[in-house]
């Protein structure tokens, strides 16, 4: 039970940020996107966007795929229950 609570806490903390919510909203709409495209969409620098993506990835909300020098991110399917609720609000 404690592991479940910790997992939910990690997800909620990862989603408790305006920029990360914008990332999730964009990826939900787009499906898959490169870091540079996400940075442009949320109007943030590449390094800052990478940091936010790393937090979402560490919370097991995103998956990533590297092709050459490009890293593409997408939302993990099926979505975490907390993420489903957030997406229904966004």
C-alpha atoms as a PDB file:
ATOM      1  CA  UNK A   1       0.000   0.000   0.000  1.00  0.00           C
ATOM      2  CA  UNK A   2       2.791   2.452   0.862  1.00  0.00           C
ATOM      3  CA  UNK A   3       4.364   1.909  -2.557  1.00  0.00           C
ATOM      4  CA  UNK A   4       1.055   2.819  -4.228  1.00  0.00           C
ATOM      5  CA  UNK A   5       0.760   5.997  -2.157  1.00  0.00           C
ATOM      6  CA  UNK A   6       4.341   6.959  -2.956  1.00  0.00           C
ATOM      7  CA  UNK A   7       3.760   6.335  -6.646  1.00  0.00           C
ATOM      8  CA  UNK A   8       0.667   8.529  -6.672  1.00  0.00           C
ATOM      9  CA  UNK A   9       2.533  11.210  -4.724  1.00  0.00           C
ATOM     10  CA  UNK A  10       5.350  11.162  -7.291  1.00  0.00           C
ATOM     11  CA  UNK A  11       2.881  11.557 -10.160  1.00  0.00           C
ATOM     12  CA  UNK A  12       0.978  14.369  -8.451  1.00  0.00           C
ATOM     13  CA  UNK A  13       4.199  16.233  -7.674  1.00  0.00           C
ATOM     14  CA  UNK A  14       5.331  15.834 -11.284  1.00  0.00           C
ATOM     15  CA  UNK A  15       2.028  17.258 -12.525  1.00  0.00           C
ATOM     16  CA  UNK A  16       1.948  20.102 -10.002  1.00  0.00           C
ATOM     17  CA  UNK A  17       3.647  22.562 -12.334  1.00  0.00           C
ATOM     18  CA  UNK A  18       2.173  24.823 -15.008  1.00  0.00           C
ATOM     19  CA  UNK A  19       4.878  24.074 -17.594  1.00  0.00           C
ATOM     20  CA  UNK A  20       4.636  20.321 -17.106  1.00  0.00           C
ATOM     21  CA  UNK A  21       0.868  20.519 -17.453  1.00  0.00           C
ATOM     22  CA  UNK A  22       1.399  22.326 -20.755  1.00  0.00           C
ATOM     23  CA  UNK A  23       3.777  19.559 -21.858  1.00  0.00           C
ATOM     24  CA  UNK A  24       1.225  16.873 -20.978  1.00  0.00           C
ATOM     25  CA  UNK A  25      -1.562  18.753 -22.738  1.00  0.00           C
ATOM     26  CA  UNK A  26       0.585  19.197 -25.866  1.00  0.00           C
ATOM     27  CA  UNK A  27       1.684  15.552 -25.969  1.00  0.00           C
ATOM     28  CA  UNK A  28      -1.888  14.400 -25.453  1.00  0.00           C
ATOM     29  CA  UNK A  29      -2.902  16.425 -28.502  1.00  0.00           C
ATOM     30  CA  UNK A  30       0.194  15.746 -30.629  1.00  0.00           C
ATOM     31  CA  UNK A  31       1.000  12.145 -29.692  1.00  0.00           C
ATOM     32  CA  UNK A  32       4.783  12.322 -29.981  1.00  0.00           C
ATOM     33  CA  UNK A  33       7.142  15.291 -30.176  1.00  0.00           C
ATOM     34  CA  UNK A  34      10.815  16.217 -30.036  1.00  0.00           C
ATOM     35  CA  UNK A  35      12.213  18.293 -27.188  1.00  0.00           C
ATOM     36  CA  UNK A  36      12.717  21.318 -29.440  1.00  0.00           C
ATOM     37  CA  UNK A  37       9.123  21.221 -30.645  1.00  0.00           C
ATOM     38  CA  UNK A  38       7.835  20.940 -27.086  1.00  0.00           C
ATOM     39  CA  UNK A  39      10.077  23.824 -25.987  1.00  0.00           C
ATOM     40  CA  UNK A  40       8.749  25.993 -28.792  1.00  0.00           C
ATOM     41  CA  UNK A  41       5.139  25.113 -27.961  1.00  0.00           C
ATOM     42  CA  UNK A  42       5.435  25.925 -24.250  1.00  0.00           C
ATOM     43  CA  UNK A  43       7.709  28.929 -24.893  1.00  0.00           C
ATOM     44  CA  UNK A  44      10.590  27.743 -22.741  1.00  0.00           C
ATOM     45  CA  UNK A  45      14.284  27.159 -23.345  1.00  0.00           C
ATOM     46  CA  UNK A  46      15.502  23.774 -24.537  1.00  0.00           C
ATOM     47  CA  UNK A  47      17.400  22.994 -21.271  1.00  0.00           C
ATOM     48  CA  UNK A  48      14.451  23.962 -19.062  1.00  0.00           C
ATOM     49  CA  UNK A  49      12.081  21.906 -21.192  1.00  0.00           C
ATOM     50  CA  UNK A  50      14.449  18.930 -20.955  1.00  0.00           C
ATOM     51  CA  UNK A  51      14.421  19.245 -17.164  1.00  0.00           C
ATOM     52  CA  UNK A  52      10.604  19.219 -17.067  1.00  0.00           C
ATOM     53  CA  UNK A  53      10.508  16.235 -19.422  1.00  0.00           C
ATOM     54  CA  UNK A  54      12.972  14.381 -17.182  1.00  0.00           C
ATOM     55  CA  UNK A  55      10.695  14.916 -14.180  1.00  0.00           C
ATOM     56  CA  UNK A  56       7.665  13.607 -16.078  1.00  0.00           C
ATOM     57  CA  UNK A  57       9.724  10.676 -17.369  1.00  0.00           C
ATOM     58  CA  UNK A  58      10.962   9.830 -13.858  1.00  0.00           C
ATOM     59  CA  UNK A  59       7.332   9.780 -12.684  1.00  0.00           C
ATOM     60  CA  UNK A  60       6.603   7.132 -15.355  1.00  0.00           C
ATOM     61  CA  UNK A  61       4.256   9.435 -17.269  1.00  0.00           C
ATOM     62  CA  UNK A  62       6.330   9.662 -20.445  1.00  0.00           C
ATOM     63  CA  UNK A  63       8.259   7.335 -22.668  1.00  0.00           C
ATOM     64  CA  UNK A  64      11.088   8.438 -24.891  1.00  0.00           C
ATOM     65  CA  UNK A  65      12.597   7.220 -28.095  1.00  0.00           C
ATOM     66  CA  UNK A  66      15.907   8.367 -29.497  1.00  0.00           C
ATOM     67  CA  UNK A  67      16.462   8.580 -33.236  1.00  0.00           C
ATOM     68  CA  UNK A  68      19.962   9.772 -34.071  1.00  0.00           C
ATOM     69  CA  UNK A  69      20.337  12.987 -32.042  1.00  0.00           C
ATOM     70  CA  UNK A  70      16.598  13.598 -31.595  1.00  0.00           C
ATOM     71  CA  UNK A  71      14.681  12.427 -28.537  1.00  0.00           C
ATOM     72  CA  UNK A  72      10.930  12.113 -28.974  1.00  0.00           C
ATOM     73  CA  UNK A  73       8.577  11.961 -26.009  1.00  0.00           C
ATOM     74  CA  UNK A  74       5.051  10.627 -25.746  1.00  0.00           C
ATOM     75  CA  UNK A  75       2.608   9.854 -22.958  1.00  0.00           C
ATOM     76  CA  UNK A  76       2.748   6.288 -21.656  1.00  0.00           C
ATOM     77  CA  UNK A  77      -0.322   4.262 -22.593  1.00  0.00           C
ATOM     78  CA  UNK A  78      -2.497   3.464 -20.773  1.00  0.00           C
ATOM     79  CA  UNK A  79      -2.379   6.696 -18.815  1.00  0.00           C
ATOM     80  CA  UNK A  80      -1.869   6.724 -15.070  1.00  0.00           C
ATOM     81  CA  UNK A  81      -5.267   7.260 -13.350  1.00  0.00           C
ATOM     82  CA  UNK A  82      -4.156  10.650 -11.966  1.00  0.00           C
ATOM     83  CA  UNK A  83      -3.064  11.709 -15.453  1.00  0.00           C
ATOM     84  CA  UNK A  84      -6.429  10.667 -16.898  1.00  0.00           C
ATOM     85  CA  UNK A  85      -8.158  12.969 -14.421  1.00  0.00           C
ATOM     86  CA  UNK A  86      -5.811  15.851 -15.254  1.00  0.00           C
ATOM     87  CA  UNK A  87      -6.316  15.344 -18.991  1.00  0.00           C
ATOM     88  CA  UNK A  88     -10.089  15.424 -18.534  1.00  0.00           C
ATOM     89  CA  UNK A  89      -9.725  18.834 -16.861  1.00  0.00           C
ATOM     90  CA  UNK A  90      -7.269  20.270 -19.382  1.00  0.00           C
END
